[in-house]
C-alpha atoms as a PDB file:
ATOM      1  CA  MET A   1     138.340  -1.516  31.547  1.00  0.00           C
ATOM      2  CA  SER A   2     140.551  -2.535  33.933  1.00  0.00           C
ATOM      3  CA  GLN A   3     139.988  -2.034  37.999  1.00  0.00           C
ATOM      4  CA  LYS A   4     143.108  -0.513  39.574  1.00  0.00           C
ATOM      5  CA  ARG A   5     143.870  -1.919  42.861  1.00  0.00           C
ATOM      6  CA  GLY A   6     142.708  -0.018  45.704  1.00  0.00           C
ATOM      7  CA  ASP A   7     144.629   1.500  48.987  1.00  0.00           C
ATOM      8  CA  ASP A   8     142.519   3.702  51.271  1.00  0.00           C
ATOM      9  CA  ASN A   9     145.595   3.546  53.662  1.00  0.00           C
ATOM     10  CA  SER A  10     147.814   7.314  54.550  1.00  0.00           C
ATOM     11  CA  TYR A  11     151.614   7.020  55.036  1.00  0.00           C
ATOM     12  CA  THR A  12     153.715   9.660  56.296  1.00  0.00           C
ATOM     13  CA  LEU A  13     156.950   9.293  54.787  1.00  0.00           C
ATOM     14  CA  LEU A  14     158.364  12.391  56.490  1.00  0.00           C
ATOM     15  CA  SER A  15     157.333  14.455  59.313  1.00  0.00           C
ATOM     16  CA  SER A  16     159.135  17.301  60.095  1.00  0.00           C
ATOM     17  CA  GLY A  17     162.558  16.022  58.756  1.00  0.00           C
ATOM     18  CA  SER A  18     165.195  17.576  57.256  1.00  0.00           C
ATOM     19  CA  ALA A  19     166.815  14.765  55.406  1.00  0.00           C
ATOM     20  CA  THR A  20     165.999  11.072  53.263  1.00  0.00           C
ATOM     21  CA  GLY A  21     163.132   9.537  54.889  1.00  0.00           C
ATOM     22  CA  SER A  22     163.041   5.562  55.693  1.00  0.00           C
ATOM     23  CA  THR A  23     161.412   2.564  53.899  1.00  0.00           C
ATOM     24  CA  THR A  24     157.899   2.432  54.103  1.00  0.00           C
ATOM     25  CA  ALA A  25     156.308   0.128  52.444  1.00  0.00           C
ATOM     26  CA  ILE A  26     152.870   0.578  50.667  1.00  0.00           C
ATOM     27  CA  ARG A  27     150.571  -1.898  49.606  1.00  0.00           C
ATOM     28  CA  GLY A  28     150.201  -0.371  45.906  1.00  0.00           C
ATOM     29  CA  GLY A  29     147.228   0.969  43.967  1.00  0.00           C
ATOM     30  CA  GLU A  30     147.023   5.020  43.261  1.00  0.00           C
ATOM     31  CA  TYR A  31     147.812   7.715  45.127  1.00  0.00           C
ATOM     32  CA  ILE A  32     148.172  11.500  45.425  1.00  0.00           C
ATOM     33  CA  VAL A  33     151.591  12.663  47.027  1.00  0.00           C
ATOM     34  CA  PHE A  34     151.514  15.896  49.602  1.00  0.00           C
ATOM     35  CA  PHE A  35     154.651  18.047  50.148  1.00  0.00           C
ATOM     36  CA  ASP A  36     155.637  20.760  51.873  1.00  0.00           C
ATOM     37  CA  GLY A  37     157.717  21.948  54.595  1.00  0.00           C
ATOM     38  CA  THR A  38     161.108  24.650  53.775  1.00  0.00           C
ATOM     39  CA  ILE A  39     163.140  23.453  50.952  1.00  0.00           C
ATOM     40  CA  GLY A  40     166.229  25.420  51.767  1.00  0.00           C
ATOM     41  CA  GLY A  41     167.880  25.033  48.338  1.00  0.00           C
ATOM     42  CA  ALA A  42     167.149  20.979  48.077  1.00  0.00           C
ATOM     43  CA  THR A  43     165.591  18.701  45.548  1.00  0.00           C
ATOM     44  CA  VAL A  44     162.424  16.348  47.480  1.00  0.00           C
ATOM     45  CA  ALA A  45     161.160  13.453  45.529  1.00  0.00           C
ATOM     46  CA  LEU A  46     158.816  10.241  46.072  1.00  0.00           C
ATOM     47  CA  GLN A  47     161.445   7.394  45.248  1.00  0.00           C
ATOM     48  CA  ILE A  48     160.655   3.723  44.837  1.00  0.00           C
ATOM     49  CA  GLN A  49     163.009   0.610  45.315  1.00  0.00           C
ATOM     50  CA  SER A  50     163.481  -1.628  42.312  1.00  0.00           C
ATOM     51  CA  PRO A  51     163.221  -5.354  43.232  1.00  0.00           C
ATOM     52  CA  SER A  52     167.283  -5.227  42.948  1.00  0.00           C
ATOM     53  CA  GLY A  53     167.002  -2.993  45.811  1.00  0.00           C
ATOM     54  CA  THR A  54     168.042   0.275  43.682  1.00  0.00           C
ATOM     55  CA  TRP A  55     166.378   3.674  45.095  1.00  0.00           C
ATOM     56  CA  MET A  56     164.966   5.295  42.064  1.00  0.00           C
ATOM     57  CA  SER A  57     162.169   8.496  41.633  1.00  0.00           C
ATOM     58  CA  VAL A  58     159.342   7.693  40.520  1.00  0.00           C
ATOM     59  CA  GLU A  59     158.120   9.226  37.320  1.00  0.00           C
ATOM     60  CA  VAL A  60     154.775   9.988  35.795  1.00  0.00           C
ATOM     61  CA  PHE A  61     153.243   9.317  32.726  1.00  0.00           C
ATOM     62  CA  THR A  62     154.896  12.069  30.494  1.00  0.00           C
ATOM     63  CA  GLY A  63     158.108  11.185  32.405  1.00  0.00           C
ATOM     64  CA  ALA A  64     158.953  13.739  34.356  1.00  0.00           C
ATOM     65  CA  ALA A  65     159.648  12.628  38.226  1.00  0.00           C
ATOM     66  CA  ILE A  66     158.114  13.739  41.164  1.00  0.00           C
ATOM     67  CA  SER A  67     160.305  15.421  42.445  1.00  0.00           C
ATOM     68  CA  TYR A  68     160.446  19.637  43.629  1.00  0.00           C
ATOM     69  CA  THR A  69     162.212  22.596  44.548  1.00  0.00           C
ATOM     70  CA  VAL A  70     159.500  24.591  45.868  1.00  0.00           C
ATOM     71  CA  LEU A  71     156.786  23.786  47.938  1.00  0.00           C
ATOM     72  CA  PRO A  72     154.232  23.159  48.969  1.00  0.00           C
ATOM     73  CA  ARG A  73     153.425  21.060  46.080  1.00  0.00           C
ATOM     74  CA  SER A  74     151.255  17.384  45.153  1.00  0.00           C
ATOM     75  CA  GLN A  75     150.780  15.080  43.047  1.00  0.00           C
ATOM     76  CA  THR A  76     147.880  13.197  42.006  1.00  0.00           C
ATOM     77  CA  GLY A  77     147.220   9.512  39.963  1.00  0.00           C
ATOM     78  CA  VAL A  78     150.254   8.106  41.024  1.00  0.00           C
ATOM     79  CA  ASN A  79     150.175   4.823  40.565  1.00  0.00           C
ATOM     80  CA  LEU A  80     152.432   2.205  42.551  1.00  0.00           C
ATOM     81  CA  PRO A  81     152.987  -1.303  42.655  1.00  0.00           C
ATOM     82  CA  ALA A  82     153.150  -2.941  46.180  1.00  0.00           C
ATOM     83  CA  GLY A  83     156.431  -2.364  47.699  1.00  0.00           C
ATOM     84  CA  ASN A  84     159.055  -0.080  49.135  1.00  0.00           C
ATOM     85  CA  VAL A  85     158.531   3.576  49.073  1.00  0.00           C
ATOM     86  CA  ARG A  86     160.401   7.069  50.691  1.00  0.00           C
ATOM     87  CA  ALA A  87     160.995  10.600  49.813  1.00  0.00           C
ATOM     88  CA  GLY A  88     164.270  11.264  48.911  1.00  0.00           C
ATOM     89  CA  VAL A  89     166.199  14.483  49.969  1.00  0.00           C
ATOM     90  CA  ILE A  90     168.925  15.645  47.620  1.00  0.00           C
ATOM     91  CA  GLY A  91     171.549  19.073  48.864  1.00  0.00           C
ATOM     92  CA  GLY A  92     170.443  21.952  50.261  1.00  0.00           C
ATOM     93  CA  SER A  93     169.724  22.708  54.092  1.00  0.00           C
ATOM     94  CA  PRO A  94     165.843  21.816  54.278  1.00  0.00           C
ATOM     95  CA  SER A  95     164.100  22.271  57.815  1.00  0.00           C
ATOM     96  CA  GLY A  96     160.127  20.832  58.582  1.00  0.00           C
ATOM     97  CA  LEU A  97     160.072  18.760  55.424  1.00  0.00           C
ATOM     98  CA  ASN A  98     156.677  16.661  55.340  1.00  0.00           C
ATOM     99  CA  VAL A  99     155.936  14.212  52.636  1.00  0.00           C
ATOM    100  CA  TYR A 100     152.667  11.878  52.575  1.00  0.00           C
ATOM    101  CA  LEU A 101     150.962   9.617  50.128  1.00  0.00           C
ATOM    102  CA  VAL A 102     147.658   8.975  50.317  1.00  0.00           C
ATOM    103  CA  GLY A 103     145.550   6.018  48.814  1.00  0.00           C
ATOM    104  CA  LEU A 104     142.660   7.162  46.343  1.00  0.00           C
ATOM    105  CA  GLY A 105     140.861   3.647  47.059  1.00  0.00           C
END
């Protein structure tokens, strides 16, 4: 059985926000992501930056994007490489959004 890279850090991707968060560099590994706040008709998603610089929503193995229109929510078992992530916010009038990525190392 192969071992997954461990990361026991906690990353704040959005704190009391109302728009897309800043770029955050992560070590890579297996994570749980937490979303809470007032969504106000928006969609909030965990996004990753590709090697070409394009931002895209992270998908779980079923092909479903980790994005929500109803909060609070969480998703565990999120496997990510080392690189840049952010909390992407699209539309609506969100307020007080919090998004945290916590390593399961």
